[in-house]
Amino acid sequence: MACEFDEEVIRQGTDSLKWAKFSDEVIPLWVADMDFVAPEPVVRALARRIDHGVFGYAIDLPELKSKVCERLLVGYGWEVGPEAIVLLPGLVTGLNVACRAIGTQGDGVLINTPVYPPFLTAPTNQGRQLQVAEQARTTRDGELYYDVDVDALEGAVTPQTGLFILCNPHNPTGRVFSRSELEAQAELCARHNIVICSDEIHCDLLLGESKHVPIATLDPEIEAQTITLLAPSKTFNIPGLGCSLAVIPNAALRAQFKAAARGIVPDVNVLGMHAALAAYSHCDQWLAELREYLIENREYVVDFVKSHLPGIQTTKPEATYLAWFDCRELEVDEGPFRFFLKNAKVAFNNGAHFGPGGEGFVRLNFGCPRSTLREALERMQKALEDRP
């Protein structure tokens, strides 16, 4: 049965970073935006606001903050007041503000790699010291799987460590960490008096039976030392509208965060706020249908890799629309990113940019029509078969 997600939307010539970076013959499966039209309620809300015709300075929409609080309560039993919500123009902004807010020049920021590249740059942008621990990588039933290596995290901590940036659901591995995994990381941070900045931007993109647990909900002590970053951007495919948020229940920590942003971080634009409110208020059915489509795309990717791409292993993401390919067995001199760009005309994210543990990997975005995904994977298969 055809569905709206099967529609191939022409994005060339629309100022799309994803589609403009490479030449027209390349299929771009890299940067994390989807090739789907945004939900109709979002489009209608934007049209109504644009029809008004005046775009002056805006206040934070109180309805948006209330809606976020409602979703947190219904989804996770997490009760916070609107005062805990800090609107931001982007999640990467939130990462940088958190690094700026916590500690002083030269203090340490702990991260788990491989991980979303801004985790690697935000600490050094703010004069902090990057402290890296790799996740534990295994193979289960022929698929890549990643575990939290608490011993590695512990080994990377120093007396100067002030902040731990967590990614859950994880980008690029697709893990949704269990309560016990989160408790182990939270206990480490509590013991060393480390503030947690938790990127949970993919929490609504759960695939199958996965359950998301915000780390701040583990207990009041952890909540008091946690900055949680959220956004509708990935879920509802509106990243270009620039509306994200931080949930910071601890008033003192919130004031510290706001002080670090003051005079540097701009207010969220009015269209982004109205899009976010519409997405969170009226798009749950659209989201449910999207998740089903992404599950089917995930299964297609996993099955195709196992059947037709020898020398490659993939994760089976528990959330996100991102697959993580281990291409090290291919032993291509130029690396897998350049090999597939040159020989298959398919663009991925280069795994080397995700820090230690990413060399020889690529990240694939399967948030696209299945016809696009099929063509890209078949191009990869042919490129491997044509190797001398």
Protein backbone atom coordinates (compact mmCIF):
# COMPACT_ATOMS: atom_id res chain seq x y z
CA MET A 1 0.00 0.00 0.00
CA ALA A 2 1.38 3.39 -0.97
CA CYS A 3 1.81 5.99 1.77
CA GLU A 4 2.94 9.58 2.01
CA PHE A 5 6.45 8.50 3.01
CA ASP A 6 6.89 6.70 -0.32
CA GLU A 7 6.61 9.99 -2.19
CA GLU A 8 9.90 11.17 -3.69
CA VAL A 9 10.11 14.89 -3.00
CA ILE A 10 12.44 16.90 -5.25
CA ARG A 11 14.79 18.76 -2.92
CA GLN A 12 17.42 19.98 -5.39
CA GLY A 13 17.21 23.74 -5.77
CA THR A 14 15.50 24.23 -2.40
CA ASP A 15 18.53 25.43 -0.38
CA SER A 16 18.87 21.92 1.08
CA LEU A 17 22.26 21.31 2.68
CA LYS A 18 21.69 17.59 2.35
CA TRP A 19 21.08 17.70 -1.41
CA ALA A 20 23.33 20.63 -2.39
CA LYS A 21 26.61 19.44 -0.87
CA PHE A 22 27.29 16.80 -3.53
CA SER A 23 26.75 16.62 -7.28
CA ASP A 24 23.33 15.78 -8.71
CA GLU A 25 24.16 12.15 -9.49
CA VAL A 26 24.92 11.42 -5.81
CA ILE A 27 22.25 9.99 -3.48
CA PRO A 28 22.77 11.80 -0.16
CA LEU A 29 22.17 9.60 2.87
CA TRP A 30 24.23 11.65 5.24
CA VAL A 31 23.10 14.64 7.35
CA ALA A 32 20.24 13.80 9.73
CA ASP A 33 17.22 15.32 8.09
CA MET A 34 14.56 13.20 6.44
CA ASP A 35 13.29 13.43 2.87
CA PHE A 36 9.67 13.58 4.00
CA VAL A 37 7.23 16.49 3.92
CA ALA A 38 6.57 17.87 7.39
CA PRO A 39 3.22 16.95 9.00
CA GLU A 40 0.23 18.86 7.65
CA PRO A 41 -0.64 20.51 11.00
CA VAL A 42 2.86 22.01 11.06
CA VAL A 43 2.55 23.32 7.51
CA ARG A 44 -0.88 24.81 8.30
CA ALA A 45 0.39 26.50 11.47
CA LEU A 46 3.26 28.07 9.56
CA ALA A 47 0.92 29.27 6.81
CA ARG A 48 -1.41 30.90 9.36
CA ARG A 49 1.45 32.73 11.03
CA ILE A 50 2.92 33.84 7.69
CA ASP A 51 -0.48 35.10 6.52
CA HIS A 52 -0.45 37.56 9.41
CA GLY A 53 2.46 39.26 7.68
CA VAL A 54 4.18 40.87 10.66
CA PHE A 55 7.34 39.26 12.03
CA GLY A 56 8.46 41.41 14.92
CA TYR A 57 10.34 40.33 18.01
CA ALA A 58 8.55 37.45 19.71
CA ILE A 59 8.08 36.28 23.26
CA ASP A 60 8.54 32.64 24.22
CA LEU A 61 5.21 30.94 23.55
CA PRO A 62 3.82 29.96 26.98
CA GLU A 63 1.60 27.36 25.25
CA LEU A 64 4.73 25.64 23.90
CA LYS A 65 6.34 25.37 27.31
CA SER A 66 3.09 24.03 28.79
CA LYS A 67 2.79 21.47 26.00
CA VAL A 68 6.35 20.27 26.61
CA CYS A 69 5.58 19.82 30.31
CA GLU A 70 2.43 17.89 29.43
CA ARG A 71 4.32 15.55 27.10
CA LEU A 72 7.00 14.88 29.70
CA LEU A 73 4.37 14.04 32.31
CA VAL A 74 2.31 11.80 30.03
CA GLY A 75 5.30 10.12 28.40
CA TYR A 76 7.58 9.57 31.36
CA GLY A 77 5.76 10.57 34.54
CA TRP A 78 8.23 13.45 34.76
CA GLU A 79 6.65 16.47 36.41
CA VAL A 80 8.36 19.78 35.70
CA GLY A 81 7.01 23.33 35.59
CA PRO A 82 7.18 25.68 32.60
CA GLU A 83 9.90 27.65 34.35
CA ALA A 84 12.22 24.65 33.86
CA ILE A 85 12.00 24.96 30.05
CA VAL A 86 14.65 27.08 28.31
CA LEU A 87 14.05 27.59 24.59
CA LEU A 88 17.09 27.43 22.30
CA PRO A 89 17.73 27.96 18.58
CA GLY A 90 19.34 24.53 18.24
CA LEU A 91 20.56 21.48 20.09
CA VAL A 92 24.20 22.12 19.17
CA THR A 93 23.78 25.54 20.76
CA GLY A 94 22.65 23.76 23.92
CA LEU A 95 25.75 21.55 23.93
CA ASN A 96 28.00 24.58 23.65
CA VAL A 97 26.13 26.56 26.31
CA ALA A 98 26.34 23.60 28.70
CA CYS A 99 30.11 23.35 28.16
CA ARG A 100 30.45 27.10 28.70
CA ALA A 101 28.26 27.05 31.82
CA ILE A 102 29.93 24.23 33.72
CA GLY A 103 33.39 24.64 35.18
CA THR A 104 36.17 26.94 34.04
CA GLN A 105 38.83 27.06 31.34
CA GLY A 106 40.69 23.76 31.12
CA ASP A 107 38.13 21.68 33.00
CA GLY A 108 37.19 18.31 31.57
CA VAL A 109 34.12 17.24 29.58
CA LEU A 110 33.54 13.49 29.38
CA ILE A 111 32.03 11.87 26.28
CA ASN A 112 31.42 8.35 24.97
CA THR A 113 32.59 7.68 21.40
CA PRO A 114 31.79 7.13 18.60
CA VAL A 115 29.30 9.98 18.92
CA TYR A 116 27.60 12.88 17.11
CA PRO A 117 30.52 15.13 16.02
CA PRO A 118 29.44 18.34 17.87
CA PHE A 119 30.07 16.42 21.11
CA LEU A 120 33.75 16.49 20.11
CA THR A 121 33.86 20.18 19.23
CA ALA A 122 31.62 21.82 21.84
CA PRO A 123 34.05 21.32 24.75
CA THR A 124 37.07 22.68 22.88
CA ASN A 125 34.98 25.56 21.49
CA GLN A 126 34.48 26.66 25.08
CA GLY A 127 38.05 26.12 26.26
CA ARG A 128 37.35 22.82 27.98
CA GLN A 129 39.39 19.62 27.85
CA LEU A 130 37.85 16.72 25.93
CA GLN A 131 37.93 13.42 27.87
CA VAL A 132 37.02 10.38 25.78
CA ALA A 133 35.91 6.86 26.63
CA GLU A 134 34.96 4.40 23.90
CA GLN A 135 31.81 2.32 24.07
CA ALA A 136 32.13 -1.44 24.07
CA ARG A 137 31.44 -2.92 20.62
CA THR A 138 30.29 -6.51 20.08
CA THR A 139 28.49 -8.58 17.46
CA ARG A 140 25.13 -10.22 18.18
CA ASP A 141 23.42 -12.42 15.61
CA GLY A 142 25.59 -10.91 12.90
CA GLU A 143 24.71 -7.32 13.88
CA LEU A 144 26.79 -4.63 15.54
CA TYR A 145 25.86 -3.85 19.11
CA TYR A 146 27.20 -1.26 21.54
CA ASP A 147 27.27 -1.36 25.36
CA VAL A 148 28.15 1.31 27.89
CA ASP A 149 31.67 0.67 29.18
CA VAL A 150 31.43 2.10 32.69
CA ASP A 151 35.02 1.09 33.49
CA ALA A 152 36.26 3.07 30.49
CA LEU A 153 34.20 6.07 31.60
CA GLU A 154 35.59 5.78 35.12
CA GLY A 155 39.11 5.59 33.73
CA ALA A 156 38.65 8.81 31.77
CA VAL A 157 37.44 10.85 34.77
CA THR A 158 39.91 13.22 36.45
CA PRO A 159 39.51 15.68 39.33
CA GLN A 160 38.95 18.35 36.65
CA THR A 161 35.96 16.56 35.06
CA GLY A 162 32.91 18.78 35.48
CA LEU A 163 30.49 17.67 32.76
CA PHE A 164 29.38 14.44 31.10
CA ILE A 165 27.56 14.73 27.78
CA LEU A 166 25.28 11.74 27.25
CA CYS A 167 23.60 10.84 23.96
CA ASN A 168 20.43 8.77 24.47
CA PRO A 169 19.01 7.52 22.16
CA HIS A 170 22.49 7.29 20.79
CA ASN A 171 23.73 8.81 17.56
CA PRO A 172 25.18 7.03 15.57
CA THR A 173 24.72 3.57 17.13
CA GLY A 174 20.94 3.74 17.61
CA ARG A 175 21.07 2.38 21.16
CA VAL A 176 18.31 3.18 23.63
CA PHE A 177 20.04 2.72 26.95
CA SER A 178 18.31 0.63 29.58
CA ARG A 179 17.48 1.91 33.04
CA SER A 180 20.36 -0.10 34.52
CA GLU A 181 22.83 1.34 32.00
CA LEU A 182 21.63 4.84 32.79
CA GLU A 183 21.81 4.18 36.54
CA ALA A 184 25.44 3.09 36.20
CA GLN A 185 26.36 6.29 34.36
CA ALA A 186 24.33 8.45 36.75
CA GLU A 187 25.96 6.84 39.79
CA LEU A 188 29.41 7.58 38.38
CA CYS A 189 28.46 11.23 37.81
CA ALA A 190 26.90 11.60 41.26
CA ARG A 191 29.97 10.10 42.92
CA HIS A 192 32.32 12.49 41.13
CA ASN A 193 29.99 15.52 41.33
CA ILE A 194 29.72 15.71 37.53
CA VAL A 195 26.87 17.58 35.86
CA ILE A 196 25.06 15.63 33.10
CA CYS A 197 24.02 17.18 29.80
CA SER A 198 21.77 14.60 28.15
CA ASP A 199 21.03 14.92 24.43
CA GLU A 200 17.66 13.16 24.07
CA ILE A 201 16.67 14.69 20.73
CA HIS A 202 15.79 11.30 19.21
CA CYS A 203 13.62 10.13 22.12
CA ASP A 204 10.40 10.17 20.07
CA LEU A 205 11.92 8.11 17.23
CA LEU A 206 11.72 4.77 19.00
CA LEU A 207 11.63 1.71 16.76
CA GLY A 208 9.69 -1.33 17.92
CA GLU A 209 9.44 -2.07 21.63
CA SER A 210 12.18 0.27 22.82
CA LYS A 211 11.37 2.43 25.85
CA HIS A 212 13.08 5.74 26.50
CA VAL A 213 14.00 6.72 30.06
CA PRO A 214 15.15 10.33 30.55
CA ILE A 215 18.17 10.09 32.80
CA ALA A 216 16.86 12.98 34.90
CA THR A 217 13.88 10.83 35.96
CA LEU A 218 16.04 8.26 37.78
CA ASP A 219 15.90 10.15 41.09
CA PRO A 220 15.73 13.74 42.41
CA GLU A 221 19.48 13.92 43.00
CA ILE A 222 20.21 13.11 39.35
CA GLU A 223 17.48 15.48 38.15
CA ALA A 224 19.12 18.29 40.11
CA GLN A 225 22.41 17.88 38.27
CA THR A 226 21.03 17.27 34.76
CA ILE A 227 20.45 19.46 31.70
CA THR A 228 18.19 17.59 29.25
CA LEU A 229 18.20 18.72 25.61
CA LEU A 230 15.14 18.04 23.44
CA ALA A 231 13.71 19.24 20.12
CA PRO A 232 10.93 18.47 17.64
CA SER A 233 13.37 18.93 14.77
CA LYS A 234 14.44 15.35 14.06
CA THR A 235 11.07 13.80 14.94
CA PHE A 236 8.90 16.00 12.74
CA ASN A 237 11.55 16.89 10.13
CA ILE A 238 11.75 20.60 10.87
CA PRO A 239 15.44 21.14 11.73
CA GLY A 240 15.70 24.18 9.46
CA LEU A 241 13.21 26.06 11.64
CA GLY A 242 15.60 26.20 14.58
CA CYS A 243 13.64 25.44 17.75
CA SER A 244 15.06 23.30 20.56
CA LEU A 245 14.87 23.37 24.33
CA ALA A 246 16.61 22.50 27.55
CA VAL A 247 14.81 21.07 30.57
CA ILE A 248 16.60 22.21 33.73
CA PRO A 249 14.49 21.76 36.91
CA ASN A 250 17.30 22.92 39.24
CA ALA A 251 16.85 26.70 39.47
CA ALA A 252 20.51 27.38 40.28
CA LEU A 253 21.77 25.23 37.40
CA ARG A 254 19.21 26.85 35.10
CA ALA A 255 20.43 30.32 36.06
CA GLN A 256 24.00 29.21 35.40
CA PHE A 257 22.99 27.90 31.95
CA LYS A 258 21.10 31.10 31.08
CA ALA A 259 24.01 33.25 32.20
CA ALA A 260 26.35 31.37 29.87
CA ALA A 261 23.98 32.00 26.95
CA ARG A 262 23.26 35.66 27.70
CA GLY A 263 24.28 38.08 24.96
CA ILE A 264 25.49 35.26 22.69
CA VAL A 265 22.56 32.96 21.99
CA PRO A 266 19.66 34.52 20.04
CA ASP A 267 16.00 34.00 20.82
CA VAL A 268 14.12 31.25 19.00
CA ASN A 269 12.45 32.55 15.85
CA VAL A 270 8.68 32.88 15.85
CA LEU A 271 8.08 30.37 13.04
CA GLY A 272 10.13 27.73 14.81
CA MET A 273 8.05 28.10 17.96
CA HIS A 274 4.73 27.84 16.13
CA ALA A 275 5.94 24.80 14.20
CA ALA A 276 7.08 23.14 17.44
CA LEU A 277 3.75 23.82 19.15
CA ALA A 278 1.80 22.35 16.22
CA ALA A 279 4.07 19.31 16.07
CA TYR A 280 3.77 18.53 19.76
CA SER A 281 0.02 19.22 19.81
CA HIS A 282 -1.39 17.62 16.66
CA CYS A 283 1.06 15.18 15.06
CA ASP A 284 1.10 12.02 17.18
CA GLN A 285 -0.70 9.96 14.53
CA TRP A 286 1.73 11.16 11.87
CA LEU A 287 4.58 10.18 14.16
CA ALA A 288 3.16 6.70 14.73
CA GLU A 289 2.94 6.16 10.97
CA LEU A 290 6.45 7.51 10.49
CA ARG A 291 7.86 5.12 13.07
CA GLU A 292 6.25 2.16 11.31
CA TYR A 293 7.78 3.26 8.02
CA LEU A 294 11.21 3.71 9.61
CA ILE A 295 10.99 0.24 11.15
CA GLU A 296 10.37 -1.20 7.68
CA ASN A 297 13.29 0.80 6.30
CA ARG A 298 15.51 -0.41 9.13
CA GLU A 299 14.61 -4.03 8.42
CA TYR A 300 15.28 -3.49 4.72
CA VAL A 301 18.74 -2.09 5.49
CA VAL A 302 19.68 -4.85 7.93
CA ASP A 303 18.50 -7.63 5.60
CA PHE A 304 20.20 -6.09 2.56
CA VAL A 305 23.53 -5.71 4.35
CA LYS A 306 23.47 -9.30 5.54
CA SER A 307 22.47 -10.69 2.13
CA HIS A 308 24.26 -8.46 -0.37
CA LEU A 309 27.07 -6.47 1.22
CA PRO A 310 29.81 -8.89 2.33
CA GLY A 311 32.48 -7.27 4.45
CA ILE A 312 30.02 -4.85 6.08
CA GLN A 313 28.23 -5.16 9.40
CA THR A 314 25.46 -2.84 10.57
CA THR A 315 23.72 -1.92 13.77
CA LYS A 316 20.00 -2.60 14.12
CA PRO A 317 18.95 0.75 15.60
CA GLU A 318 16.54 0.72 18.53
CA ALA A 319 15.76 4.38 17.76
CA THR A 320 16.66 7.11 15.23
CA TYR A 321 16.76 6.71 11.45
CA LEU A 322 20.53 6.22 11.44
CA ALA A 323 22.41 2.99 10.73
CA TRP A 324 26.09 2.58 11.55
CA PHE A 325 28.10 0.48 9.08
CA ASP A 326 31.38 -1.22 10.00
CA CYS A 327 33.29 -1.32 6.71
CA ARG A 328 36.77 -2.13 8.04
CA GLU A 329 36.86 -5.58 6.46
CA LEU A 330 36.55 -4.00 3.01
CA GLU A 331 40.11 -2.67 3.37
CA VAL A 332 39.60 0.11 0.83
CA ASP A 333 42.63 2.39 0.74
CA GLU A 334 40.67 5.64 0.47
CA GLY A 335 38.31 4.65 3.29
CA PRO A 336 34.64 3.64 2.93
CA PHE A 337 33.25 7.17 2.78
CA ARG A 338 35.33 8.13 -0.26
CA PHE A 339 35.03 4.68 -1.84
CA PHE A 340 31.23 4.74 -1.92
CA LEU A 341 31.06 8.41 -2.88
CA LYS A 342 33.37 7.80 -5.84
CA ASN A 343 32.25 4.35 -6.97
CA ALA A 344 28.59 4.16 -5.93
CA LYS A 345 27.68 7.86 -6.00
CA VAL A 346 26.23 7.52 -2.51
CA ALA A 347 27.16 9.97 0.25
CA PHE A 348 27.30 8.96 3.91
CA ASN A 349 28.74 10.58 7.02
CA ASN A 350 32.38 9.67 7.48
CA GLY A 351 32.74 7.60 10.63
CA ALA A 352 36.13 9.13 11.37
CA HIS A 353 34.32 12.36 12.29
CA PHE A 354 32.58 10.59 15.19
CA GLY A 355 35.76 10.24 17.23
CA PRO A 356 37.74 7.22 18.43
CA GLY A 357 36.04 4.01 17.34
CA GLY A 358 34.63 5.59 14.16
CA GLU A 359 37.50 5.05 11.72
CA GLY A 360 36.45 2.65 8.94
CA PHE A 361 32.74 3.25 9.58
CA VAL A 362 30.04 5.26 7.81
CA ARG A 363 26.65 6.48 9.02
CA LEU A 364 23.61 5.95 6.78
CA ASN A 365 20.40 7.98 7.05
CA PHE A 366 17.40 5.77 6.15
CA GLY A 367 14.85 8.55 6.69
CA CYS A 368 13.91 8.55 3.00
CA PRO A 369 11.50 6.84 0.59
CA ARG A 370 12.24 3.15 0.25
CA SER A 371 12.85 3.56 -3.47
CA THR A 372 15.71 5.95 -2.69
CA LEU A 373 17.10 3.61 -0.06
CA ARG A 374 16.87 0.62 -2.41
CA GLU A 375 18.73 2.40 -5.19
CA ALA A 376 21.50 3.53 -2.84
CA LEU A 377 22.05 0.05 -1.41
CA GLU A 378 22.03 -1.52 -4.87
CA ARG A 379 24.62 1.01 -5.99
CA MET A 380 26.77 -0.02 -3.02
CA GLN A 381 26.39 -3.68 -3.96
CA LYS A 382 27.45 -3.02 -7.55
CA ALA A 383 30.43 -0.93 -6.46
CA LEU A 384 31.65 -3.81 -4.29
CA GLU A 385 31.07 -6.38 -7.01
CA ASP A 386 32.97 -4.27 -9.57
CA ARG A 387 36.07 -3.99 -7.43
CA PRO A 388 39.13 -5.51 -9.12
